[in-house]
Each structure stands twice: as structure tokens, then as C-alpha cells.
């Protein structure tokens, strides 16, 4: 019997998941047109990740996110860096 895709997705978002599993983060700070020097900062796994610890899809740069946005993250390098895959929104 094939695994339920929703169960697989739920396992991906399991707290404490290993590297390579997706997780959610919250944008704490992001530059905008009025404040282009504002720092890039995302809270992920209870820690604050700064610009040097983040990679992003090009569509989110330079002003595609704002403080309070939720983002889907892929942890890399033993969870020391994160790739921002996309913005997550409520439906």
C-alpha cells in the first residue's frame, strides 16, 4: 500500500527533524523599499538566523518578505544555515 502523501508531509514538518527536512520559520526583519539597510533575520528552530546563514530563492529578493511572514526552510550544514524556499500563507 502506498504511503499517504499527507502523512509524509506531516513527517517532514516534525519538530526536531533531521537536516534535509523542511521546517517553518518566521521573518523577524527584512529590508523594504523604505528601509533597504534593514537586516535579513529569520527565526528558525528557536534561533535567530542572520543574512550570512540564509540562502533564498531569487523571487524573494530584494523586498519579497516582511517581518511576521512565515517561510518554508530547508536546513543545511548540520542545521547551521537555511535555504528559504518560499513564503507560506494561510488559505
N, C-alpha and C. Protein backbone atom coordinates (compact mmCIF):
# COMPACT_ATOMS: atom_id res chain seq x y z
N UNK A 1 0.85 -1.18 0.00
CA UNK A 1 0.00 0.00 0.00
C UNK A 1 0.89 1.24 0.00
N UNK A 2 0.56 2.20 -0.85
CA UNK A 2 1.35 3.43 -0.96
C UNK A 2 1.13 4.32 0.26
N UNK A 3 2.21 4.96 0.70
CA UNK A 3 2.15 5.87 1.85
C UNK A 3 1.28 7.08 1.52
N UNK A 4 0.48 7.52 2.47
CA UNK A 4 -0.37 8.69 2.30
C UNK A 4 0.52 9.93 2.15
N UNK A 5 0.34 10.73 1.09
CA UNK A 5 1.21 11.90 0.89
C UNK A 5 1.09 12.93 2.01
N UNK A 6 -0.06 13.01 2.65
CA UNK A 6 -0.23 13.96 3.75
C UNK A 6 0.53 13.51 4.99
N UNK A 7 0.59 12.20 5.20
CA UNK A 7 1.37 11.69 6.32
C UNK A 7 2.86 11.94 6.08
N UNK A 8 3.30 11.76 4.84
CA UNK A 8 4.71 12.04 4.52
C UNK A 8 5.03 13.51 4.75
N UNK A 9 4.13 14.40 4.31
CA UNK A 9 4.34 15.84 4.51
C UNK A 9 4.38 16.17 6.00
N UNK A 10 3.50 15.57 6.79
CA UNK A 10 3.49 15.81 8.23
C UNK A 10 4.81 15.37 8.86
N UNK A 11 5.38 14.27 8.41
CA UNK A 11 6.67 13.81 8.94
C UNK A 11 7.79 14.79 8.60
N UNK A 12 7.70 15.43 7.43
CA UNK A 12 8.72 16.41 7.04
C UNK A 12 8.75 17.56 8.03
N UNK A 13 7.57 17.96 8.53
CA UNK A 13 7.48 19.10 9.44
C UNK A 13 7.56 18.71 10.91
N UNK A 14 7.95 17.49 11.21
CA UNK A 14 8.05 17.03 12.59
C UNK A 14 9.13 17.82 13.32
N UNK A 15 8.81 18.37 14.51
CA UNK A 15 9.83 19.09 15.28
C UNK A 15 11.04 18.20 15.55
N UNK A 16 12.21 18.80 15.47
CA UNK A 16 13.44 18.06 15.71
C UNK A 16 13.85 17.21 14.52
N UNK A 17 13.27 17.47 13.37
CA UNK A 17 13.60 16.69 12.19
C UNK A 17 15.06 16.87 11.82
N UNK A 18 15.59 15.89 11.12
CA UNK A 18 16.99 15.92 10.73
C UNK A 18 17.23 16.91 9.59
N UNK A 19 18.52 17.16 9.34
CA UNK A 19 18.89 18.01 8.21
C UNK A 19 18.28 17.43 6.94
N UNK A 20 17.83 18.30 6.06
CA UNK A 20 17.20 17.86 4.83
C UNK A 20 15.69 17.81 4.93
N UNK A 21 15.14 17.95 6.14
CA UNK A 21 13.70 18.01 6.33
C UNK A 21 13.28 19.47 6.36
N UNK A 22 12.11 19.74 5.82
CA UNK A 22 11.62 21.11 5.80
C UNK A 22 11.16 21.55 7.18
N UNK A 23 11.21 22.85 7.42
CA UNK A 23 10.68 23.41 8.66
C UNK A 23 10.11 24.79 8.36
N UNK A 24 9.35 25.31 9.30
CA UNK A 24 8.79 26.65 9.17
C UNK A 24 9.62 27.63 9.97
N UNK A 25 9.73 28.83 9.47
CA UNK A 25 10.40 29.90 10.18
C UNK A 25 9.56 31.16 10.09
N UNK A 26 9.91 32.14 10.90
CA UNK A 26 9.21 33.43 10.90
C UNK A 26 10.21 34.54 10.62
N UNK A 27 9.86 35.40 9.68
CA UNK A 27 10.73 36.54 9.36
C UNK A 27 10.65 37.54 10.51
N UNK A 28 11.80 37.85 11.10
CA UNK A 28 11.86 38.83 12.18
C UNK A 28 12.17 40.22 11.63
N UNK A 29 12.94 40.26 10.56
CA UNK A 29 13.34 41.53 9.95
C UNK A 29 13.71 41.27 8.50
N UNK A 30 13.32 42.21 7.61
CA UNK A 30 13.64 42.06 6.18
C UNK A 30 13.67 43.45 5.56
N UNK A 31 14.60 43.73 4.67
CA UNK A 31 14.64 45.06 4.05
C UNK A 31 13.38 45.35 3.24
N UNK A 32 13.04 46.61 3.13
CA UNK A 32 11.96 47.03 2.23
C UNK A 32 12.42 48.31 1.54
N UNK A 33 11.58 48.82 0.65
CA UNK A 33 12.00 50.00 -0.13
C UNK A 33 12.27 51.21 0.75
N UNK A 34 11.52 51.35 1.85
CA UNK A 34 11.74 52.48 2.75
C UNK A 34 12.94 52.28 3.67
N UNK A 35 13.30 51.02 3.91
CA UNK A 35 14.41 50.68 4.82
C UNK A 35 15.30 49.62 4.16
N UNK A 36 16.02 49.96 3.11
CA UNK A 36 16.80 48.97 2.37
C UNK A 36 17.99 48.40 3.14
N UNK A 37 18.39 49.03 4.23
CA UNK A 37 19.52 48.52 5.02
C UNK A 37 19.08 47.70 6.22
N UNK A 38 17.77 47.53 6.39
CA UNK A 38 17.26 46.70 7.49
C UNK A 38 17.85 45.29 7.34
N UNK A 39 18.24 44.64 8.44
CA UNK A 39 18.88 43.32 8.33
C UNK A 39 17.91 42.21 7.91
N UNK A 40 18.47 41.18 7.27
CA UNK A 40 17.73 39.96 6.96
C UNK A 40 17.82 39.07 8.21
N UNK A 41 16.68 38.74 8.81
CA UNK A 41 16.70 37.91 10.02
C UNK A 41 15.46 37.02 10.02
N UNK A 42 15.68 35.71 10.23
CA UNK A 42 14.60 34.73 10.29
C UNK A 42 14.78 33.91 11.56
N UNK A 43 13.68 33.66 12.27
CA UNK A 43 13.70 32.79 13.45
C UNK A 43 13.36 31.38 12.98
N UNK A 44 14.28 30.46 13.23
CA UNK A 44 14.10 29.07 12.81
C UNK A 44 14.62 28.15 13.90
N UNK A 45 13.82 27.19 14.28
CA UNK A 45 14.26 26.25 15.31
C UNK A 45 14.62 26.92 16.61
N UNK A 46 13.96 28.03 16.93
CA UNK A 46 14.22 28.73 18.17
C UNK A 46 15.47 29.59 18.16
N UNK A 47 16.12 29.71 17.01
CA UNK A 47 17.32 30.54 16.91
C UNK A 47 17.14 31.61 15.84
N UNK A 48 17.86 32.70 15.99
CA UNK A 48 17.81 33.80 15.03
C UNK A 48 18.88 33.57 13.97
N UNK A 49 18.47 33.52 12.72
CA UNK A 49 19.39 33.31 11.60
C UNK A 49 19.58 34.63 10.87
N UNK A 50 20.83 35.04 10.72
CA UNK A 50 21.16 36.31 10.07
C UNK A 50 21.46 36.07 8.59
N UNK A 51 21.66 37.14 7.87
CA UNK A 51 21.87 37.09 6.42
C UNK A 51 22.93 36.07 6.03
N UNK A 52 24.05 36.03 6.73
CA UNK A 52 25.14 35.12 6.36
C UNK A 52 24.77 33.65 6.54
N UNK A 53 23.69 33.37 7.27
CA UNK A 53 23.24 32.00 7.50
C UNK A 53 22.07 31.62 6.60
N UNK A 54 21.67 32.51 5.70
CA UNK A 54 20.48 32.30 4.88
C UNK A 54 20.81 32.31 3.39
N UNK A 55 20.15 31.42 2.67
CA UNK A 55 20.10 31.45 1.21
C UNK A 55 18.64 31.62 0.86
N UNK A 56 18.35 32.19 -0.31
CA UNK A 56 16.96 32.46 -0.66
C UNK A 56 16.72 32.25 -2.14
N UNK A 57 15.50 31.87 -2.47
CA UNK A 57 15.14 31.84 -3.88
C UNK A 57 15.12 33.28 -4.38
N UNK A 58 15.53 33.52 -5.63
CA UNK A 58 15.67 34.89 -6.12
C UNK A 58 14.37 35.70 -6.10
N UNK A 59 13.23 35.04 -6.21
CA UNK A 59 11.96 35.76 -6.24
C UNK A 59 11.63 36.47 -4.94
N UNK A 60 12.31 36.11 -3.85
CA UNK A 60 12.05 36.74 -2.55
C UNK A 60 12.95 37.96 -2.32
N UNK A 61 13.89 38.17 -3.21
CA UNK A 61 14.82 39.28 -3.06
C UNK A 61 14.49 40.38 -4.06
N UNK A 62 14.68 41.64 -3.81
CA UNK A 62 15.19 42.14 -2.54
C UNK A 62 14.11 42.39 -1.49
N UNK A 63 12.83 42.57 -1.92
CA UNK A 63 11.81 43.01 -0.95
C UNK A 63 10.60 42.08 -0.91
N UNK A 64 10.80 40.79 -1.12
CA UNK A 64 9.67 39.86 -1.22
C UNK A 64 9.10 39.37 0.10
N UNK A 65 9.74 39.70 1.21
CA UNK A 65 9.26 39.26 2.52
C UNK A 65 9.13 40.46 3.45
N UNK A 66 8.43 40.23 4.56
CA UNK A 66 8.26 41.28 5.57
C UNK A 66 8.24 40.63 6.95
N UNK A 67 8.54 41.40 7.97
CA UNK A 67 8.50 40.90 9.35
C UNK A 67 7.13 40.28 9.61
N UNK A 68 7.14 39.10 10.23
CA UNK A 68 5.91 38.39 10.54
C UNK A 68 5.54 37.33 9.53
N UNK A 69 6.12 37.37 8.33
CA UNK A 69 5.83 36.35 7.32
C UNK A 69 6.36 35.00 7.77
N UNK A 70 5.62 33.94 7.42
CA UNK A 70 6.12 32.58 7.64
C UNK A 70 6.77 32.11 6.36
N UNK A 71 7.88 31.38 6.50
CA UNK A 71 8.62 30.86 5.35
C UNK A 71 8.90 29.38 5.54
N UNK A 72 8.98 28.67 4.41
CA UNK A 72 9.36 27.26 4.41
C UNK A 72 10.88 27.22 4.23
N UNK A 73 11.54 26.52 5.14
CA UNK A 73 13.00 26.48 5.17
C UNK A 73 13.53 25.06 4.99
N UNK A 74 14.68 24.96 4.36
CA UNK A 74 15.41 23.71 4.25
C UNK A 74 16.72 23.88 5.00
N UNK A 75 16.87 23.20 6.16
CA UNK A 75 18.12 23.31 6.91
C UNK A 75 19.26 22.58 6.19
N UNK A 76 20.45 23.19 6.18
CA UNK A 76 21.64 22.57 5.59
C UNK A 76 22.82 22.77 6.54
N UNK A 77 23.93 22.13 6.22
CA UNK A 77 25.16 22.27 7.00
C UNK A 77 24.92 22.06 8.49
N UNK A 78 24.36 20.88 8.80
CA UNK A 78 24.07 20.50 10.19
C UNK A 78 23.20 21.53 10.89
N UNK A 79 22.20 22.02 10.17
CA UNK A 79 21.22 22.99 10.69
C UNK A 79 21.85 24.32 11.09
N UNK A 80 23.00 24.64 10.51
CA UNK A 80 23.64 25.92 10.80
C UNK A 80 23.25 27.00 9.79
N UNK A 81 22.78 26.58 8.62
CA UNK A 81 22.32 27.51 7.58
C UNK A 81 20.97 27.01 7.07
N UNK A 82 20.22 27.93 6.45
CA UNK A 82 18.89 27.59 5.95
C UNK A 82 18.68 28.17 4.57
N UNK A 83 17.99 27.41 3.72
CA UNK A 83 17.56 27.91 2.42
C UNK A 83 16.09 28.28 2.56
N UNK A 84 15.75 29.53 2.25
CA UNK A 84 14.35 29.97 2.26
C UNK A 84 13.76 29.55 0.91
N UNK A 85 12.85 28.59 0.94
CA UNK A 85 12.27 28.08 -0.30
C UNK A 85 11.12 28.94 -0.80
N UNK A 86 10.25 29.34 0.11
CA UNK A 86 9.09 30.14 -0.30
C UNK A 86 8.41 30.71 0.94
N UNK A 87 7.51 31.63 0.68
CA UNK A 87 6.66 32.20 1.73
C UNK A 87 5.46 31.27 1.90
N UNK A 88 5.04 31.04 3.13
CA UNK A 88 3.86 30.21 3.42
C UNK A 88 2.73 31.13 3.87
N UNK A 89 1.55 30.95 3.29
CA UNK A 89 0.41 31.80 3.62
C UNK A 89 -0.78 30.94 4.02
N UNK A 90 -1.65 31.50 4.84
CA UNK A 90 -2.89 30.82 5.23
C UNK A 90 -3.86 30.84 4.07
N UNK A 91 -4.68 29.81 3.97
CA UNK A 91 -5.70 29.76 2.92
C UNK A 91 -7.08 29.89 3.52
